[in-house]
């Protein structure tokens, strides 16, 4: 099989490969998206504080009503609730809205 793959890759029929892996958060983790509104021009300071929270897997700045989108992952709802409380306590955050992710659609 490797010889066949090598042949069609060299001929240009296959131009690349990709790998799909299981979600690193695990099946039992509770994942959420938290939308964050920042007071005034404090986005840089708020992002600096958010980067120090290990439960936050990714941060995105955005336009529109919300200023920051954060992706969180915890082992259960109680732990997620504690992480959300930490985020809400950060100086410069005016409001937040959280949605728990129920499933992930894959292509």
C-alpha atoms as a PDB file:
ATOM      1  CA  UNK A   1       0.000   0.000   0.000  1.00  0.00           C
ATOM      2  CA  UNK A   2       2.849   2.412   0.768  1.00  0.00           C
ATOM      3  CA  UNK A   3       4.281   1.960  -2.734  1.00  0.00           C
ATOM      4  CA  UNK A   4       0.899   2.868  -4.255  1.00  0.00           C
ATOM      5  CA  UNK A   5       0.596   5.941  -2.027  1.00  0.00           C
ATOM      6  CA  UNK A   6       4.132   6.980  -2.907  1.00  0.00           C
ATOM      7  CA  UNK A   7       3.365   6.601  -6.620  1.00  0.00           C
ATOM      8  CA  UNK A   8       0.166   8.657  -6.634  1.00  0.00           C
ATOM      9  CA  UNK A   9       1.703  11.282  -4.361  1.00  0.00           C
ATOM     10  CA  UNK A  10       4.715  11.653  -6.662  1.00  0.00           C
ATOM     11  CA  UNK A  11       2.416  11.919  -9.695  1.00  0.00           C
ATOM     12  CA  UNK A  12       0.507  14.771  -8.047  1.00  0.00           C
ATOM     13  CA  UNK A  13      -2.840  12.988  -7.684  1.00  0.00           C
ATOM     14  CA  UNK A  14      -2.539  13.314  -3.892  1.00  0.00           C
ATOM     15  CA  UNK A  15      -1.301  16.740  -2.884  1.00  0.00           C
ATOM     16  CA  UNK A  16      -1.401  16.347   0.884  1.00  0.00           C
ATOM     17  CA  UNK A  17      -2.527  14.400   3.917  1.00  0.00           C
ATOM     18  CA  UNK A  18      -4.409  15.265   7.066  1.00  0.00           C
ATOM     19  CA  UNK A  19      -4.932  13.511  10.368  1.00  0.00           C
ATOM     20  CA  UNK A  20      -8.077  13.655  12.510  1.00  0.00           C
ATOM     21  CA  UNK A  21      -7.605  12.964  16.195  1.00  0.00           C
ATOM     22  CA  UNK A  22     -10.003  12.635  19.088  1.00  0.00           C
ATOM     23  CA  UNK A  23     -10.879  15.806  20.954  1.00  0.00           C
ATOM     24  CA  UNK A  24      -8.027  16.402  23.426  1.00  0.00           C
ATOM     25  CA  UNK A  25     -10.498  17.661  26.035  1.00  0.00           C
ATOM     26  CA  UNK A  26     -11.856  14.130  26.305  1.00  0.00           C
ATOM     27  CA  UNK A  27     -15.342  12.782  26.171  1.00  0.00           C
ATOM     28  CA  UNK A  28     -16.185  13.540  29.784  1.00  0.00           C
ATOM     29  CA  UNK A  29     -14.928  17.133  29.855  1.00  0.00           C
ATOM     30  CA  UNK A  30     -17.368  20.024  29.980  1.00  0.00           C
ATOM     31  CA  UNK A  31     -16.493  22.559  27.315  1.00  0.00           C
ATOM     32  CA  UNK A  32     -17.912  26.039  26.909  1.00  0.00           C
ATOM     33  CA  UNK A  33     -17.631  29.228  24.932  1.00  0.00           C
ATOM     34  CA  UNK A  34     -17.592  32.398  27.011  1.00  0.00           C
ATOM     35  CA  UNK A  35     -18.298  35.736  25.354  1.00  0.00           C
ATOM     36  CA  UNK A  36     -16.698  38.617  27.244  1.00  0.00           C
ATOM     37  CA  UNK A  37     -17.466  42.330  27.148  1.00  0.00           C
ATOM     38  CA  UNK A  38     -14.614  44.600  28.186  1.00  0.00           C
ATOM     39  CA  UNK A  39     -14.971  48.009  29.843  1.00  0.00           C
ATOM     40  CA  UNK A  40     -13.485  50.860  27.857  1.00  0.00           C
ATOM     41  CA  UNK A  41     -10.026  50.240  26.470  1.00  0.00           C
ATOM     42  CA  UNK A  42      -8.999  47.487  28.853  1.00  0.00           C
ATOM     43  CA  UNK A  43      -8.860  44.644  26.305  1.00  0.00           C
ATOM     44  CA  UNK A  44      -5.080  44.237  26.506  1.00  0.00           C
ATOM     45  CA  UNK A  45      -5.130  43.984  30.317  1.00  0.00           C
ATOM     46  CA  UNK A  46      -8.119  41.619  30.298  1.00  0.00           C
ATOM     47  CA  UNK A  47      -6.424  39.351  27.736  1.00  0.00           C
ATOM     48  CA  UNK A  48      -3.274  39.298  29.875  1.00  0.00           C
ATOM     49  CA  UNK A  49      -5.345  38.139  32.870  1.00  0.00           C
ATOM     50  CA  UNK A  50      -7.264  35.561  30.833  1.00  0.00           C
ATOM     51  CA  UNK A  51      -4.036  34.046  29.460  1.00  0.00           C
ATOM     52  CA  UNK A  52      -3.081  33.089  33.007  1.00  0.00           C
ATOM     53  CA  UNK A  53      -6.129  30.860  33.501  1.00  0.00           C
ATOM     54  CA  UNK A  54      -5.282  27.224  32.630  1.00  0.00           C
ATOM     55  CA  UNK A  55      -8.927  26.278  31.961  1.00  0.00           C
ATOM     56  CA  UNK A  56      -8.971  28.597  28.949  1.00  0.00           C
ATOM     57  CA  UNK A  57      -7.946  26.641  25.861  1.00  0.00           C
ATOM     58  CA  UNK A  58      -8.100  29.547  23.386  1.00  0.00           C
ATOM     59  CA  UNK A  59      -8.804  33.267  23.244  1.00  0.00           C
ATOM     60  CA  UNK A  60     -10.092  35.263  20.294  1.00  0.00           C
ATOM     61  CA  UNK A  61     -10.687  38.981  19.953  1.00  0.00           C
ATOM     62  CA  UNK A  62     -13.718  39.910  17.912  1.00  0.00           C
ATOM     63  CA  UNK A  63     -15.886  42.806  16.840  1.00  0.00           C
ATOM     64  CA  UNK A  64     -19.538  43.457  17.569  1.00  0.00           C
ATOM     65  CA  UNK A  65     -21.250  43.346  20.949  1.00  0.00           C
ATOM     66  CA  UNK A  66     -18.638  41.066  22.557  1.00  0.00           C
ATOM     67  CA  UNK A  67     -14.917  41.853  22.653  1.00  0.00           C
ATOM     68  CA  UNK A  68     -13.382  38.460  23.487  1.00  0.00           C
ATOM     69  CA  UNK A  69     -14.406  34.860  22.857  1.00  0.00           C
ATOM     70  CA  UNK A  70     -12.818  32.275  25.142  1.00  0.00           C
ATOM     71  CA  UNK A  71     -12.941  28.493  24.908  1.00  0.00           C
ATOM     72  CA  UNK A  72     -12.946  26.700  28.258  1.00  0.00           C
ATOM     73  CA  UNK A  73     -12.652  23.066  29.255  1.00  0.00           C
ATOM     74  CA  UNK A  74     -13.065  21.481  32.699  1.00  0.00           C
ATOM     75  CA  UNK A  75     -13.649  17.977  34.030  1.00  0.00           C
ATOM     76  CA  UNK A  76     -17.172  18.702  35.328  1.00  0.00           C
ATOM     77  CA  UNK A  77     -19.788  21.439  35.664  1.00  0.00           C
ATOM     78  CA  UNK A  78     -18.740  22.433  39.192  1.00  0.00           C
ATOM     79  CA  UNK A  79     -15.143  22.965  38.056  1.00  0.00           C
ATOM     80  CA  UNK A  80     -16.361  24.928  35.025  1.00  0.00           C
ATOM     81  CA  UNK A  81     -18.493  27.092  37.322  1.00  0.00           C
ATOM     82  CA  UNK A  82     -15.434  27.856  39.475  1.00  0.00           C
ATOM     83  CA  UNK A  83     -13.416  28.811  36.369  1.00  0.00           C
ATOM     84  CA  UNK A  84     -16.222  31.079  35.152  1.00  0.00           C
ATOM     85  CA  UNK A  85     -16.301  32.803  38.546  1.00  0.00           C
ATOM     86  CA  UNK A  86     -12.582  33.507  38.252  1.00  0.00           C
ATOM     87  CA  UNK A  87     -13.070  35.020  34.803  1.00  0.00           C
ATOM     88  CA  UNK A  88     -16.026  37.143  35.920  1.00  0.00           C
ATOM     89  CA  UNK A  89     -13.917  38.548  38.754  1.00  0.00           C
ATOM     90  CA  UNK A  90     -11.275  39.987  36.447  1.00  0.00           C
ATOM     91  CA  UNK A  91     -11.063  43.774  36.586  1.00  0.00           C
ATOM     92  CA  UNK A  92     -12.158  45.342  33.301  1.00  0.00           C
ATOM     93  CA  UNK A  93     -14.795  42.752  32.400  1.00  0.00           C
ATOM     94  CA  UNK A  94     -18.230  44.430  32.159  1.00  0.00           C
ATOM     95  CA  UNK A  95     -20.330  41.415  31.131  1.00  0.00           C
ATOM     96  CA  UNK A  96     -20.126  37.814  29.972  1.00  0.00           C
ATOM     97  CA  UNK A  97     -22.313  35.143  28.433  1.00  0.00           C
ATOM     98  CA  UNK A  98     -21.471  31.439  28.472  1.00  0.00           C
ATOM     99  CA  UNK A  99     -22.742  28.587  26.337  1.00  0.00           C
ATOM    100  CA  UNK A 100     -21.891  24.970  27.154  1.00  0.00           C
ATOM    101  CA  UNK A 101     -20.923  22.954  24.086  1.00  0.00           C
ATOM    102  CA  UNK A 102     -23.111  19.866  23.793  1.00  0.00           C
ATOM    103  CA  UNK A 103     -21.669  18.168  20.712  1.00  0.00           C
ATOM    104  CA  UNK A 104     -19.206  18.791  17.916  1.00  0.00           C
ATOM    105  CA  UNK A 105     -20.105  18.303  14.280  1.00  0.00           C
ATOM    106  CA  UNK A 106     -17.224  16.983  12.206  1.00  0.00           C
ATOM    107  CA  UNK A 107     -16.779  17.115   8.469  1.00  0.00           C
END
